[in-house]
């Protein structure tokens, strides 16, 4: 039996989860994370994960996305 962890308790999110969590589209999140200097992306092989706390900080400080 697999236990579901709520999104707001996860340390890292998939692109789909980050889009549902933030209301920002999946394509826009992919564009933001394509940069090598993106502070909230974690690459696990070819899989892209979003560091939730850093992503929250980025969104809070952003004027527009």
N, C-alpha and C. Protein backbone atom coordinates (compact mmCIF):
# COMPACT_ATOMS: atom_id res chain seq x y z
N UNK A 1 0.84 -1.18 0.00
CA UNK A 1 0.00 0.00 0.00
C UNK A 1 0.88 1.24 0.00
N UNK A 2 0.64 2.13 -0.92
CA UNK A 2 1.42 3.35 -1.06
C UNK A 2 0.68 4.51 -0.41
N UNK A 3 1.37 5.24 0.43
CA UNK A 3 0.76 6.35 1.14
C UNK A 3 0.98 7.65 0.35
N UNK A 4 -0.08 8.38 0.12
CA UNK A 4 0.00 9.67 -0.59
C UNK A 4 0.44 10.76 0.37
N UNK A 5 1.41 11.54 -0.05
CA UNK A 5 1.88 12.68 0.73
C UNK A 5 1.31 13.94 0.09
N UNK A 6 0.69 14.83 0.87
CA UNK A 6 0.14 16.06 0.30
C UNK A 6 1.23 16.91 -0.35
N UNK A 7 0.90 17.60 -1.42
CA UNK A 7 1.86 18.41 -2.18
C UNK A 7 2.58 19.40 -1.29
N UNK A 8 1.86 20.06 -0.38
CA UNK A 8 2.48 21.11 0.44
C UNK A 8 3.47 20.56 1.46
N UNK A 9 3.54 19.23 1.62
CA UNK A 9 4.50 18.62 2.53
C UNK A 9 5.70 18.02 1.81
N UNK A 10 5.65 17.95 0.48
CA UNK A 10 6.74 17.38 -0.28
C UNK A 10 7.87 18.39 -0.42
N UNK A 11 9.10 17.90 -0.39
CA UNK A 11 10.27 18.77 -0.57
C UNK A 11 10.48 19.08 -2.05
N UNK A 12 10.24 18.09 -2.91
CA UNK A 12 10.42 18.24 -4.36
C UNK A 12 9.15 17.84 -5.09
N UNK A 13 8.84 18.60 -6.13
CA UNK A 13 7.62 18.36 -6.90
C UNK A 13 7.96 18.05 -8.34
N UNK A 14 7.10 17.28 -9.00
CA UNK A 14 7.23 17.10 -10.44
C UNK A 14 6.70 18.37 -11.11
N UNK A 15 6.92 18.49 -12.41
CA UNK A 15 6.41 19.64 -13.16
C UNK A 15 4.90 19.72 -13.01
N UNK A 16 4.22 18.59 -13.13
CA UNK A 16 2.77 18.55 -13.04
C UNK A 16 2.28 18.99 -11.66
N UNK A 17 2.95 18.51 -10.62
CA UNK A 17 2.57 18.89 -9.26
C UNK A 17 2.83 20.37 -9.01
N UNK A 18 3.95 20.88 -9.50
CA UNK A 18 4.28 22.30 -9.33
C UNK A 18 3.26 23.18 -10.04
N UNK A 19 2.79 22.74 -11.20
CA UNK A 19 1.78 23.50 -11.94
C UNK A 19 0.46 23.52 -11.16
N UNK A 20 0.06 22.38 -10.62
CA UNK A 20 -1.18 22.32 -9.83
C UNK A 20 -1.05 23.13 -8.55
N UNK A 21 0.11 23.09 -7.93
CA UNK A 21 0.38 23.77 -6.66
C UNK A 21 0.38 25.30 -6.83
N UNK A 22 0.96 25.78 -7.94
CA UNK A 22 1.17 27.22 -8.10
C UNK A 22 0.17 27.91 -9.01
N UNK A 23 -0.47 27.16 -9.89
CA UNK A 23 -1.35 27.78 -10.87
C UNK A 23 -0.60 28.29 -12.09
N UNK A 24 0.69 28.03 -12.17
CA UNK A 24 1.52 28.39 -13.32
C UNK A 24 1.52 27.19 -14.26
N UNK A 25 1.44 27.42 -15.54
CA UNK A 25 1.36 26.34 -16.50
C UNK A 25 2.62 25.49 -16.58
N UNK A 26 2.44 24.25 -16.96
CA UNK A 26 3.56 23.31 -17.08
C UNK A 26 4.61 23.80 -18.08
N UNK A 27 4.17 24.32 -19.21
CA UNK A 27 5.11 24.80 -20.22
C UNK A 27 5.94 25.97 -19.71
N UNK A 28 5.32 26.87 -18.97
CA UNK A 28 6.04 28.02 -18.42
C UNK A 28 7.05 27.57 -17.37
N UNK A 29 6.70 26.61 -16.54
CA UNK A 29 7.63 26.08 -15.54
C UNK A 29 8.80 25.41 -16.25
N UNK A 30 8.53 24.68 -17.32
CA UNK A 30 9.63 24.06 -18.09
C UNK A 30 10.56 25.12 -18.65
N UNK A 31 9.99 26.21 -19.19
CA UNK A 31 10.81 27.30 -19.72
C UNK A 31 11.69 27.90 -18.64
N UNK A 32 11.12 28.14 -17.46
CA UNK A 32 11.87 28.72 -16.35
C UNK A 32 13.01 27.80 -15.90
N UNK A 33 12.79 26.50 -15.94
CA UNK A 33 13.79 25.56 -15.45
C UNK A 33 14.81 25.15 -16.50
N UNK A 34 14.68 25.62 -17.73
CA UNK A 34 15.65 25.30 -18.77
C UNK A 34 16.99 25.99 -18.52
N UNK A 35 16.97 27.10 -17.82
CA UNK A 35 18.19 27.86 -17.56
C UNK A 35 19.10 27.12 -16.58
N UNK A 36 20.41 27.18 -16.83
CA UNK A 36 21.38 26.55 -15.93
C UNK A 36 21.42 27.26 -14.58
N UNK A 37 21.02 28.52 -14.54
CA UNK A 37 21.09 29.29 -13.30
C UNK A 37 19.77 29.26 -12.51
N UNK A 38 18.85 28.41 -12.89
CA UNK A 38 17.56 28.32 -12.19
C UNK A 38 17.79 27.79 -10.78
N UNK A 39 17.38 28.56 -9.75
CA UNK A 39 17.68 28.17 -8.37
C UNK A 39 16.77 27.08 -7.80
N UNK A 40 15.68 26.75 -8.48
CA UNK A 40 14.72 25.81 -7.88
C UNK A 40 14.55 24.52 -8.66
N UNK A 41 15.46 24.22 -9.59
CA UNK A 41 15.35 22.96 -10.33
C UNK A 41 16.39 21.97 -9.81
N UNK A 42 15.99 20.71 -9.73
CA UNK A 42 16.87 19.61 -9.34
C UNK A 42 16.77 18.56 -10.44
N UNK A 43 17.89 18.25 -11.06
CA UNK A 43 17.90 17.25 -12.12
C UNK A 43 18.29 15.90 -11.51
N UNK A 44 17.47 14.90 -11.73
CA UNK A 44 17.77 13.53 -11.34
C UNK A 44 17.84 12.75 -12.63
N UNK A 45 19.04 12.62 -13.17
CA UNK A 45 19.20 12.07 -14.52
C UNK A 45 18.58 13.04 -15.50
N UNK A 46 17.56 12.61 -16.21
CA UNK A 46 16.86 13.51 -17.13
C UNK A 46 15.55 14.01 -16.55
N UNK A 47 15.22 13.56 -15.33
CA UNK A 47 13.98 13.98 -14.68
C UNK A 47 14.18 15.32 -13.99
N UNK A 48 13.24 16.21 -14.17
CA UNK A 48 13.27 17.55 -13.61
C UNK A 48 12.36 17.62 -12.39
N UNK A 49 12.92 17.95 -11.24
CA UNK A 49 12.12 18.14 -10.04
C UNK A 49 12.22 19.58 -9.59
N UNK A 50 11.17 20.08 -8.97
CA UNK A 50 11.11 21.46 -8.51
C UNK A 50 11.27 21.47 -7.00
N UNK A 51 12.26 22.22 -6.50
CA UNK A 51 12.46 22.39 -5.06
C UNK A 51 11.37 23.33 -4.56
N UNK A 52 10.42 22.78 -3.82
CA UNK A 52 9.21 23.52 -3.47
C UNK A 52 9.50 24.81 -2.70
N UNK A 53 10.35 24.77 -1.70
CA UNK A 53 10.62 25.98 -0.89
C UNK A 53 11.28 27.08 -1.72
N UNK A 54 12.27 26.69 -2.53
CA UNK A 54 12.95 27.66 -3.39
C UNK A 54 11.97 28.21 -4.44
N UNK A 55 11.08 27.35 -4.95
CA UNK A 55 10.08 27.77 -5.92
C UNK A 55 9.12 28.77 -5.29
N UNK A 56 8.70 28.51 -4.05
CA UNK A 56 7.83 29.46 -3.33
C UNK A 56 8.50 30.82 -3.18
N UNK A 57 9.79 30.82 -2.81
CA UNK A 57 10.54 32.07 -2.68
C UNK A 57 10.61 32.80 -4.01
N UNK A 58 10.87 32.06 -5.09
CA UNK A 58 10.97 32.65 -6.42
C UNK A 58 9.65 33.32 -6.80
N UNK A 59 8.55 32.64 -6.58
CA UNK A 59 7.24 33.16 -6.93
C UNK A 59 6.90 34.40 -6.09
N UNK A 60 7.23 34.36 -4.79
CA UNK A 60 6.96 35.49 -3.91
C UNK A 60 7.72 36.73 -4.33
N UNK A 61 8.94 36.58 -4.81
CA UNK A 61 9.78 37.71 -5.18
C UNK A 61 9.63 38.16 -6.63
N UNK A 62 8.90 37.39 -7.43
CA UNK A 62 8.75 37.72 -8.85
C UNK A 62 7.69 38.79 -9.07
N UNK A 63 8.00 39.71 -9.96
CA UNK A 63 7.02 40.74 -10.34
C UNK A 63 6.08 40.17 -11.39
N UNK A 64 6.63 39.46 -12.36
CA UNK A 64 5.82 38.79 -13.38
C UNK A 64 6.56 37.53 -13.82
N UNK A 65 5.77 36.58 -14.28
CA UNK A 65 6.37 35.30 -14.71
C UNK A 65 5.95 35.04 -16.15
